[in-house]
């Protein structure tokens, strides 16, 4: 079976951004999940940074995964993907020059789009993990990323966290990133439609919304009217796979499955977050 080339998939993603509808992402984390998502008719997939950290390292989402590790996983998916895949490129794995390297590696991996966020990562000594870099630095990363791409069809999506800054600052950042040439804006932490309407008023560009299943934002028609073209509800497929693996192995060992542990509890048990929290308190002067 012929597979679409990467350029064709990137053009397909841009067609989604230009469409009048909202499209929900499939969580893809390996070649098989990418094939399944395409076969089931999903228009777009996403390789989440948190999911890559779990899949590759068995570690929580605290910026431990390296660019090479993330790009390797994206490449495995890109080899077989028949749908556009968005890569969650975190903060570009460093400064603007690192972001250029990130774009080059992920473009080679075959992704159709990538998000670059303005979070200060990894957490700095005495700073919270959701602190943001300055708008000016965020603009610099976006412009560097655009310069680094070889295929102009590759979409560069600017991501910011609407839940950790005042509304006026969210509006300022989204406009600044739009003017810096971002192909779309990704918003995390939007609470409800009132906040979303305030942010999108006059913005006039495609939006990607990470909702994590927020019940206040479950109206696709209204989302589409506000310019939301990509919706990320979370990564239920990956967590279902974790739960199924756990239950299957319990049954194989003759241990009653019963109610067992939830997927979230399993992630907590097997990624050892308390160890990382203790180390952060000891070495980074962080309380979380």
C-alpha atoms as a PDB file:
ATOM      1  CA  UNK A   1       0.000   0.000   0.000  1.00  0.00           C
ATOM      2  CA  UNK A   2       1.415   3.359  -1.025  1.00  0.00           C
ATOM      3  CA  UNK A   3       1.993   5.778   1.828  1.00  0.00           C
ATOM      4  CA  UNK A   4       1.520   9.540   1.366  1.00  0.00           C
ATOM      5  CA  UNK A   5       4.785  11.451   1.372  1.00  0.00           C
ATOM      6  CA  UNK A   6       5.537  13.770   4.268  1.00  0.00           C
ATOM      7  CA  UNK A   7       4.908  16.872   2.161  1.00  0.00           C
ATOM      8  CA  UNK A   8       1.447  15.604   1.224  1.00  0.00           C
ATOM      9  CA  UNK A   9       0.609  14.958   4.872  1.00  0.00           C
ATOM     10  CA  UNK A  10       1.753  18.465   5.777  1.00  0.00           C
ATOM     11  CA  UNK A  11      -0.488  19.910   3.098  1.00  0.00           C
ATOM     12  CA  UNK A  12      -3.334  17.784   4.465  1.00  0.00           C
ATOM     13  CA  UNK A  13      -2.756  19.276   7.893  1.00  0.00           C
ATOM     14  CA  UNK A  14      -2.771  22.800   6.490  1.00  0.00           C
ATOM     15  CA  UNK A  15      -6.081  21.958   4.827  1.00  0.00           C
ATOM     16  CA  UNK A  16      -7.430  21.095   8.285  1.00  0.00           C
ATOM     17  CA  UNK A  17      -6.270  24.471   9.594  1.00  0.00           C
ATOM     18  CA  UNK A  18      -8.041  26.157   6.689  1.00  0.00           C
ATOM     19  CA  UNK A  19     -11.254  24.174   7.091  1.00  0.00           C
ATOM     20  CA  UNK A  20     -14.367  25.478   8.916  1.00  0.00           C
ATOM     21  CA  UNK A  21     -14.531  22.523  11.327  1.00  0.00           C
ATOM     22  CA  UNK A  22     -12.886  21.325  14.533  1.00  0.00           C
ATOM     23  CA  UNK A  23     -10.938  18.054  14.355  1.00  0.00           C
ATOM     24  CA  UNK A  24     -10.121  15.830  17.328  1.00  0.00           C
ATOM     25  CA  UNK A  25      -6.658  14.304  17.537  1.00  0.00           C
ATOM     26  CA  UNK A  26      -5.839  10.648  17.999  1.00  0.00           C
ATOM     27  CA  UNK A  27      -3.082   9.955  20.496  1.00  0.00           C
ATOM     28  CA  UNK A  28      -0.380   8.138  18.522  1.00  0.00           C
ATOM     29  CA  UNK A  29       2.635   6.825  20.361  1.00  0.00           C
ATOM     30  CA  UNK A  30       4.077   4.087  18.131  1.00  0.00           C
ATOM     31  CA  UNK A  31       3.723   2.831  14.541  1.00  0.00           C
ATOM     32  CA  UNK A  32       0.759   0.549  15.259  1.00  0.00           C
ATOM     33  CA  UNK A  33      -1.268   3.255  16.987  1.00  0.00           C
ATOM     34  CA  UNK A  34      -0.623   5.574  14.020  1.00  0.00           C
ATOM     35  CA  UNK A  35      -1.849   2.929  11.593  1.00  0.00           C
ATOM     36  CA  UNK A  36      -4.925   2.243  13.713  1.00  0.00           C
ATOM     37  CA  UNK A  37      -5.800   5.942  13.936  1.00  0.00           C
ATOM     38  CA  UNK A  38      -5.586   6.371  10.173  1.00  0.00           C
ATOM     39  CA  UNK A  39      -7.587   3.221   9.536  1.00  0.00           C
ATOM     40  CA  UNK A  40     -10.349   4.469  11.854  1.00  0.00           C
ATOM     41  CA  UNK A  41     -10.615   7.702   9.921  1.00  0.00           C
ATOM     42  CA  UNK A  42      -8.915  10.195  12.229  1.00  0.00           C
ATOM     43  CA  UNK A  43      -7.825  13.278  10.331  1.00  0.00           C
ATOM     44  CA  UNK A  44      -4.847  14.042  12.587  1.00  0.00           C
ATOM     45  CA  UNK A  45      -2.717  12.425  15.286  1.00  0.00           C
ATOM     46  CA  UNK A  46      -0.531  13.827  18.025  1.00  0.00           C
ATOM     47  CA  UNK A  47       2.630  12.536  19.682  1.00  0.00           C
ATOM     48  CA  UNK A  48       2.501  14.093  23.134  1.00  0.00           C
ATOM     49  CA  UNK A  49       5.649  14.998  25.004  1.00  0.00           C
ATOM     50  CA  UNK A  50       4.280  13.458  28.193  1.00  0.00           C
ATOM     51  CA  UNK A  51       3.368  10.277  26.322  1.00  0.00           C
ATOM     52  CA  UNK A  52       6.799  10.037  24.703  1.00  0.00           C
ATOM     53  CA  UNK A  53       8.363  10.406  28.156  1.00  0.00           C
ATOM     54  CA  UNK A  54       6.238   7.535  29.449  1.00  0.00           C
ATOM     55  CA  UNK A  55       6.778   5.351  26.385  1.00  0.00           C
ATOM     56  CA  UNK A  56      10.533   5.906  26.068  1.00  0.00           C
ATOM     57  CA  UNK A  57      11.677   6.540  29.646  1.00  0.00           C
ATOM     58  CA  UNK A  58       8.896   5.396  31.940  1.00  0.00           C
ATOM     59  CA  UNK A  59       9.315   8.828  33.535  1.00  0.00           C
ATOM     60  CA  UNK A  60       6.899  11.632  34.400  1.00  0.00           C
ATOM     61  CA  UNK A  61       6.526  14.687  32.181  1.00  0.00           C
ATOM     62  CA  UNK A  62       9.230  16.896  33.686  1.00  0.00           C
ATOM     63  CA  UNK A  63      11.403  17.562  30.614  1.00  0.00           C
ATOM     64  CA  UNK A  64      13.710  14.578  31.074  1.00  0.00           C
ATOM     65  CA  UNK A  65      13.379  13.195  27.556  1.00  0.00           C
ATOM     66  CA  UNK A  66      15.999  14.443  25.100  1.00  0.00           C
ATOM     67  CA  UNK A  67      15.508  15.674  21.552  1.00  0.00           C
ATOM     68  CA  UNK A  68      17.206  12.616  20.079  1.00  0.00           C
ATOM     69  CA  UNK A  69      14.952  10.257  22.042  1.00  0.00           C
ATOM     70  CA  UNK A  70      11.825  12.157  21.061  1.00  0.00           C
ATOM     71  CA  UNK A  71      12.895  12.424  17.422  1.00  0.00           C
ATOM     72  CA  UNK A  72      13.593   8.667  17.284  1.00  0.00           C
ATOM     73  CA  UNK A  73      10.059   7.918  18.433  1.00  0.00           C
ATOM     74  CA  UNK A  74       8.638  10.451  15.964  1.00  0.00           C
ATOM     75  CA  UNK A  75      10.662   8.816  13.190  1.00  0.00           C
ATOM     76  CA  UNK A  76       9.241   5.384  13.976  1.00  0.00           C
ATOM     77  CA  UNK A  77       5.760   6.845  13.643  1.00  0.00           C
ATOM     78  CA  UNK A  78       6.642   8.915  10.591  1.00  0.00           C
ATOM     79  CA  UNK A  79       7.800   5.836   8.674  1.00  0.00           C
ATOM     80  CA  UNK A  80       4.278   4.410   8.580  1.00  0.00           C
ATOM     81  CA  UNK A  81       1.937   7.333   9.197  1.00  0.00           C
ATOM     82  CA  UNK A  82      -0.918   7.811   6.761  1.00  0.00           C
ATOM     83  CA  UNK A  83      -2.362  10.770   8.654  1.00  0.00           C
ATOM     84  CA  UNK A  84      -0.743  14.080   9.637  1.00  0.00           C
ATOM     85  CA  UNK A  85       0.982  13.899  13.017  1.00  0.00           C
ATOM     86  CA  UNK A  86       1.579  16.853  15.329  1.00  0.00           C
ATOM     87  CA  UNK A  87       4.686  16.611  17.494  1.00  0.00           C
ATOM     88  CA  UNK A  88       4.617  18.181  20.933  1.00  0.00           C
ATOM     89  CA  UNK A  89       8.098  19.676  20.798  1.00  0.00           C
ATOM     90  CA  UNK A  90       7.874  21.176  24.287  1.00  0.00           C
ATOM     91  CA  UNK A  91      10.124  24.261  24.473  1.00  0.00           C
ATOM     92  CA  UNK A  92      12.264  23.244  21.507  1.00  0.00           C
ATOM     93  CA  UNK A  93      14.712  21.559  23.898  1.00  0.00           C
ATOM     94  CA  UNK A  94      16.505  24.770  24.739  1.00  0.00           C
ATOM     95  CA  UNK A  95      16.939  28.263  23.377  1.00  0.00           C
ATOM     96  CA  UNK A  96      16.199  29.558  19.878  1.00  0.00           C
ATOM     97  CA  UNK A  97      19.218  27.788  18.383  1.00  0.00           C
ATOM     98  CA  UNK A  98      18.150  24.515  20.001  1.00  0.00           C
ATOM     99  CA  UNK A  99      14.668  25.088  18.595  1.00  0.00           C
ATOM    100  CA  UNK A 100      16.185  25.268  15.114  1.00  0.00           C
ATOM    101  CA  UNK A 101      17.811  21.878  15.656  1.00  0.00           C
ATOM    102  CA  UNK A 102      14.497  20.535  16.943  1.00  0.00           C
ATOM    103  CA  UNK A 103      12.679  21.668  13.799  1.00  0.00           C
ATOM    104  CA  UNK A 104      15.311  20.093  11.566  1.00  0.00           C
ATOM    105  CA  UNK A 105      15.162  16.738  13.378  1.00  0.00           C
ATOM    106  CA  UNK A 106      11.375  16.553  13.583  1.00  0.00           C
ATOM    107  CA  UNK A 107      10.941  17.625   9.980  1.00  0.00           C
ATOM    108  CA  UNK A 108      13.272  14.786   8.989  1.00  0.00           C
ATOM    109  CA  UNK A 109      11.190  12.459  11.186  1.00  0.00           C
ATOM    110  CA  UNK A 110       8.162  13.204   9.030  1.00  0.00           C
ATOM    111  CA  UNK A 111       5.832  15.131  11.331  1.00  0.00           C
ATOM    112  CA  UNK A 112       3.281  17.448   9.733  1.00  0.00           C
ATOM    113  CA  UNK A 113       3.351  20.078  12.462  1.00  0.00           C
ATOM    114  CA  UNK A 114       4.974  20.823  15.784  1.00  0.00           C
ATOM    115  CA  UNK A 115       4.104  22.924  18.791  1.00  0.00           C
ATOM    116  CA  UNK A 116       6.655  25.194  20.460  1.00  0.00           C
ATOM    117  CA  UNK A 117       5.671  26.388  23.900  1.00  0.00           C
ATOM    118  CA  UNK A 118       6.822  29.392  25.890  1.00  0.00           C
ATOM    119  CA  UNK A 119       7.162  27.506  29.175  1.00  0.00           C
ATOM    120  CA  UNK A 120      10.479  27.885  30.973  1.00  0.00           C
ATOM    121  CA  UNK A 121      11.749  24.323  30.714  1.00  0.00           C
ATOM    122  CA  UNK A 122      13.272  22.476  32.394  1.00  0.00           C
ATOM    123  CA  UNK A 123      12.263  24.020  35.719  1.00  0.00           C
ATOM    124  CA  UNK A 124      14.936  26.421  36.942  1.00  0.00           C
ATOM    125  CA  UNK A 125      16.286  26.523  40.505  1.00  0.00           C
ATOM    126  CA  UNK A 126      13.659  28.093  42.725  1.00  0.00           C
ATOM    127  CA  UNK A 127      11.184  28.466  39.840  1.00  0.00           C
ATOM    128  CA  UNK A 128       7.915  26.698  39.113  1.00  0.00           C
ATOM    129  CA  UNK A 129       7.587  24.312  36.186  1.00  0.00           C
ATOM    130  CA  UNK A 130       4.878  26.491  34.631  1.00  0.00           C
ATOM    131  CA  UNK A 131       6.834  29.761  34.563  1.00  0.00           C
ATOM    132  CA  UNK A 132       6.914  31.352  31.106  1.00  0.00           C
ATOM    133  CA  UNK A 133       9.746  32.885  29.148  1.00  0.00           C
ATOM    134  CA  UNK A 134       9.372  36.483  27.945  1.00  0.00           C
ATOM    135  CA  UNK A 135       7.270  37.280  24.908  1.00  0.00           C
ATOM    136  CA  UNK A 136      10.417  38.485  23.170  1.00  0.00           C
ATOM    137  CA  UNK A 137      12.185  35.175  23.690  1.00  0.00           C
ATOM    138  CA  UNK A 138       9.102  33.321  22.514  1.00  0.00           C
ATOM    139  CA  UNK A 139       9.082  35.390  19.323  1.00  0.00           C
ATOM    140  CA  UNK A 140      12.759  34.667  18.809  1.00  0.00           C
ATOM    141  CA  UNK A 141      12.147  30.923  19.032  1.00  0.00           C
ATOM    142  CA  UNK A 142       9.281  31.094  16.558  1.00  0.00           C
ATOM    143  CA  UNK A 143      11.295  33.048  14.024  1.00  0.00           C
ATOM    144  CA  UNK A 144      14.247  30.717  14.431  1.00  0.00           C
ATOM    145  CA  UNK A 145      11.960  27.722  13.937  1.00  0.00           C
ATOM    146  CA  UNK A 146      10.563  29.180  10.728  1.00  0.00           C
ATOM    147  CA  UNK A 147      14.068  29.806   9.434  1.00  0.00           C
ATOM    148  CA  UNK A 148      15.092  26.223  10.185  1.00  0.00           C
ATOM    149  CA  UNK A 149      12.331  24.412   8.310  1.00  0.00           C
ATOM    150  CA  UNK A 150      13.184  23.196   4.829  1.00  0.00           C
ATOM    151  CA  UNK A 151       9.613  22.325   3.828  1.00  0.00           C
ATOM    152  CA  UNK A 152       7.463  25.431   4.242  1.00  0.00           C
ATOM    153  CA  UNK A 153       4.409  23.177   4.481  1.00  0.00           C
ATOM    154  CA  UNK A 154       5.577  22.098   7.951  1.00  0.00           C
ATOM    155  CA  UNK A 155       3.325  23.984  10.385  1.00  0.00           C
ATOM    156  CA  UNK A 156       4.907  25.774  13.347  1.00  0.00           C
ATOM    157  CA  UNK A 157       2.351  26.190  16.136  1.00  0.00           C
ATOM    158  CA  UNK A 158       3.004  28.597  19.013  1.00  0.00           C
ATOM    159  CA  UNK A 159       1.763  27.262  22.330  1.00  0.00           C
ATOM    160  CA  UNK A 160       1.056  29.225  25.500  1.00  0.00           C
ATOM    161  CA  UNK A 161      -0.650  28.438  28.797  1.00  0.00           C
ATOM    162  CA  UNK A 162      -3.833  30.444  29.281  1.00  0.00           C
ATOM    163  CA  UNK A 163      -4.342  29.080  32.771  1.00  0.00           C
ATOM    164  CA  UNK A 164      -1.257  30.570  34.450  1.00  0.00           C
ATOM    165  CA  UNK A 165      -1.362  34.181  33.267  1.00  0.00           C
ATOM    166  CA  UNK A 166      -3.869  37.037  33.307  1.00  0.00           C
ATOM    167  CA  UNK A 167      -6.209  37.305  30.342  1.00  0.00           C
ATOM    168  CA  UNK A 168      -4.556  40.500  29.134  1.00  0.00           C
ATOM    169  CA  UNK A 169      -1.197  38.743  28.932  1.00  0.00           C
ATOM    170  CA  UNK A 170      -2.671  35.761  27.099  1.00  0.00           C
ATOM    171  CA  UNK A 171      -4.128  38.148  24.532  1.00  0.00           C
ATOM    172  CA  UNK A 172      -0.797  39.957  24.232  1.00  0.00           C
ATOM    173  CA  UNK A 173       1.136  36.744  23.671  1.00  0.00           C
ATOM    174  CA  UNK A 174      -1.245  35.281  21.123  1.00  0.00           C
ATOM    175  CA  UNK A 175      -1.169  38.480  19.063  1.00  0.00           C
ATOM    176  CA  UNK A 176       2.608  38.683  19.291  1.00  0.00           C
ATOM    177  CA  UNK A 177       3.017  35.074  18.154  1.00  0.00           C
ATOM    178  CA  UNK A 178       0.547  35.601  15.331  1.00  0.00           C
ATOM    179  CA  UNK A 179       2.506  38.629  14.158  1.00  0.00           C
ATOM    180  CA  UNK A 180       5.746  36.623  14.411  1.00  0.00           C
ATOM    181  CA  UNK A 181       4.431  34.251  11.756  1.00  0.00           C
ATOM    182  CA  UNK A 182       3.073  31.275  13.706  1.00  0.00           C
ATOM    183  CA  UNK A 183       0.847  29.079  11.552  1.00  0.00           C
ATOM    184  CA  UNK A 184      -1.551  28.510  14.461  1.00  0.00           C
ATOM    185  CA  UNK A 185      -1.846  29.172  18.179  1.00  0.00           C
ATOM    186  CA  UNK A 186      -2.124  26.352  20.719  1.00  0.00           C
ATOM    187  CA  UNK A 187      -3.857  27.205  23.987  1.00  0.00           C
ATOM    188  CA  UNK A 188      -3.653  25.182  27.186  1.00  0.00           C
ATOM    189  CA  UNK A 189      -5.630  25.851  30.341  1.00  0.00           C
ATOM    190  CA  UNK A 190      -8.613  27.681  28.851  1.00  0.00           C
ATOM    191  CA  UNK A 191     -11.374  27.433  31.445  1.00  0.00           C
ATOM    192  CA  UNK A 192     -14.552  28.125  29.497  1.00  0.00           C
ATOM    193  CA  UNK A 193     -16.059  29.696  26.408  1.00  0.00           C
ATOM    194  CA  UNK A 194     -16.135  33.189  27.926  1.00  0.00           C
ATOM    195  CA  UNK A 195     -12.361  33.130  28.308  1.00  0.00           C
ATOM    196  CA  UNK A 196     -11.895  31.587  24.869  1.00  0.00           C
ATOM    197  CA  UNK A 197     -14.093  34.219  23.224  1.00  0.00           C
ATOM    198  CA  UNK A 198     -12.095  37.008  24.859  1.00  0.00           C
ATOM    199  CA  UNK A 199      -8.818  35.516  23.628  1.00  0.00           C
ATOM    200  CA  UNK A 200     -10.011  34.871  20.078  1.00  0.00           C
ATOM    201  CA  UNK A 201     -11.739  38.196  19.484  1.00  0.00           C
ATOM    202  CA  UNK A 202      -9.915  39.761  16.547  1.00  0.00           C
ATOM    203  CA  UNK A 203      -7.208  37.079  16.534  1.00  0.00           C
ATOM    204  CA  UNK A 204      -8.275  35.652  13.165  1.00  0.00           C
ATOM    205  CA  UNK A 205      -6.040  32.628  12.910  1.00  0.00           C
ATOM    206  CA  UNK A 206      -6.367  28.852  13.398  1.00  0.00           C
ATOM    207  CA  UNK A 207      -6.352  27.613  16.964  1.00  0.00           C
ATOM    208  CA  UNK A 208      -5.370  24.345  18.591  1.00  0.00           C
ATOM    209  CA  UNK A 209      -7.013  23.777  21.962  1.00  0.00           C
ATOM    210  CA  UNK A 210      -5.789  21.340  24.605  1.00  0.00           C
ATOM    211  CA  UNK A 211      -8.897  20.698  26.697  1.00  0.00           C
ATOM    212  CA  UNK A 212      -8.079  17.488  28.616  1.00  0.00           C
ATOM    213  CA  UNK A 213     -11.797  16.749  28.363  1.00  0.00           C
ATOM    214  CA  UNK A 214     -12.907  19.985  30.053  1.00  0.00           C
ATOM    215  CA  UNK A 215     -16.745  19.708  30.103  1.00  0.00           C
ATOM    216  CA  UNK A 216     -17.000  23.495  29.746  1.00  0.00           C
ATOM    217  CA  UNK A 217     -15.563  23.243  26.223  1.00  0.00           C
ATOM    218  CA  UNK A 218     -17.534  20.351  24.730  1.00  0.00           C
ATOM    219  CA  UNK A 219     -19.314  22.111  21.895  1.00  0.00           C
ATOM    220  CA  UNK A 220     -17.608  21.424  18.564  1.00  0.00           C
ATOM    221  CA  UNK A 221     -19.852  23.783  16.654  1.00  0.00           C
ATOM    222  CA  UNK A 222     -19.043  26.679  18.968  1.00  0.00           C
ATOM    223  CA  UNK A 223     -15.347  25.805  19.003  1.00  0.00           C
ATOM    224  CA  UNK A 224     -15.308  25.824  15.217  1.00  0.00           C
ATOM    225  CA  UNK A 225     -17.016  29.217  15.111  1.00  0.00           C
ATOM    226  CA  UNK A 226     -14.254  30.609  17.322  1.00  0.00           C
ATOM    227  CA  UNK A 227     -11.533  29.322  15.014  1.00  0.00           C
ATOM    228  CA  UNK A 228     -10.564  26.143  16.860  1.00  0.00           C
ATOM    229  CA  UNK A 229      -9.426  23.675  14.216  1.00  0.00           C
ATOM    230  CA  UNK A 230      -7.572  21.111  16.348  1.00  0.00           C
ATOM    231  CA  UNK A 231      -8.838  19.755  19.679  1.00  0.00           C
ATOM    232  CA  UNK A 232      -6.670  17.634  21.975  1.00  0.00           C
ATOM    233  CA  UNK A 233      -8.847  15.925  24.576  1.00  0.00           C
ATOM    234  CA  UNK A 234      -5.949  13.994  26.070  1.00  0.00           C
ATOM    235  CA  UNK A 235      -4.308  10.645  25.470  1.00  0.00           C
ATOM    236  CA  UNK A 236      -6.937   8.118  26.496  1.00  0.00           C
ATOM    237  CA  UNK A 237      -5.733   5.497  24.014  1.00  0.00           C
ATOM    238  CA  UNK A 238      -2.283   5.363  25.560  1.00  0.00           C
ATOM    239  CA  UNK A 239      -3.596   5.084  29.098  1.00  0.00           C
ATOM    240  CA  UNK A 240      -6.034   2.390  28.012  1.00  0.00           C
ATOM    241  CA  UNK A 241      -3.044   0.462  26.645  1.00  0.00           C
ATOM    242  CA  UNK A 242      -1.272   0.755  29.988  1.00  0.00           C
ATOM    243  CA  UNK A 243      -4.347  -0.494  31.826  1.00  0.00           C
ATOM    244  CA  UNK A 244      -4.847  -3.384  29.394  1.00  0.00           C
ATOM    245  CA  UNK A 245      -1.203  -4.432  29.755  1.00  0.00           C
ATOM    246  CA  UNK A 246      -1.451  -4.400  33.537  1.00  0.00           C
ATOM    247  CA  UNK A 247      -4.679  -6.405  33.608  1.00  0.00           C
ATOM    248  CA  UNK A 248      -3.403  -8.903  31.056  1.00  0.00           C
ATOM    249  CA  UNK A 249      -0.194  -9.559  32.977  1.00  0.00           C
ATOM    250  CA  UNK A 250      -2.100  -9.885  36.262  1.00  0.00           C
ATOM    251  CA  UNK A 251      -4.368 -12.467  34.672  1.00  0.00           C
ATOM    252  CA  UNK A 252      -1.371 -14.316  33.242  1.00  0.00           C
ATOM    253  CA  UNK A 253       0.120 -14.561  36.725  1.00  0.00           C
ATOM    254  CA  UNK A 254      -3.182 -15.790  38.128  1.00  0.00           C
ATOM    255  CA  UNK A 255      -3.803 -12.608  40.085  1.00  0.00           C
ATOM    256  CA  UNK A 256      -7.452 -11.599  40.135  1.00  0.00           C
ATOM    257  CA  UNK A 257      -7.920  -8.488  38.050  1.00  0.00           C
ATOM    258  CA  UNK A 258     -10.967  -7.257  39.959  1.00  0.00           C
ATOM    259  CA  UNK A 259     -11.142  -3.480  40.112  1.00  0.00           C
ATOM    260  CA  UNK A 260      -7.357  -3.195  40.262  1.00  0.00           C
ATOM    261  CA  UNK A 261      -5.644   0.136  39.700  1.00  0.00           C
ATOM    262  CA  UNK A 262      -6.750   2.843  37.298  1.00  0.00           C
ATOM    263  CA  UNK A 263      -4.469   3.923  34.465  1.00  0.00           C
ATOM    264  CA  UNK A 264      -3.574   7.111  36.338  1.00  0.00           C
ATOM    265  CA  UNK A 265      -2.713   5.125  39.446  1.00  0.00           C
ATOM    266  CA  UNK A 266      -0.583   2.782  37.370  1.00  0.00           C
ATOM    267  CA  UNK A 267       1.352   5.696  35.880  1.00  0.00           C
ATOM    268  CA  UNK A 268       1.932   7.080  39.365  1.00  0.00           C
ATOM    269  CA  UNK A 269       3.085   3.702  40.667  1.00  0.00           C
ATOM    270  CA  UNK A 270       5.501   2.934  37.843  1.00  0.00           C
ATOM    271  CA  UNK A 271       6.990   6.353  37.060  1.00  0.00           C
ATOM    272  CA  UNK A 272       8.006   6.984  40.701  1.00  0.00           C
ATOM    273  CA  UNK A 273       7.027  10.687  40.796  1.00  0.00           C
ATOM    274  CA  UNK A 274       7.674  10.952  44.538  1.00  0.00           C
ATOM    275  CA  UNK A 275      11.366  10.253  43.892  1.00  0.00           C
ATOM    276  CA  UNK A 276      11.534  13.110  41.404  1.00  0.00           C
ATOM    277  CA  UNK A 277       9.637  15.436  43.742  1.00  0.00           C
ATOM    278  CA  UNK A 278      12.081  14.661  46.544  1.00  0.00           C
ATOM    279  CA  UNK A 279      15.054  15.321  44.281  1.00  0.00           C
ATOM    280  CA  UNK A 280      13.527  18.582  43.102  1.00  0.00           C
ATOM    281  CA  UNK A 281      13.105  19.711  46.685  1.00  0.00           C
ATOM    282  CA  UNK A 282      16.679  18.760  47.466  1.00  0.00           C
ATOM    283  CA  UNK A 283      18.456  20.068  44.390  1.00  0.00           C
ATOM    284  CA  UNK A 284      16.125  22.606  42.769  1.00  0.00           C
ATOM    285  CA  UNK A 285      14.600  24.173  45.873  1.00  0.00           C
ATOM    286  CA  UNK A 286      11.133  23.348  44.572  1.00  0.00           C
ATOM    287  CA  UNK A 287       8.118  22.450  46.674  1.00  0.00           C
ATOM    288  CA  UNK A 288       6.463  20.371  43.919  1.00  0.00           C
END
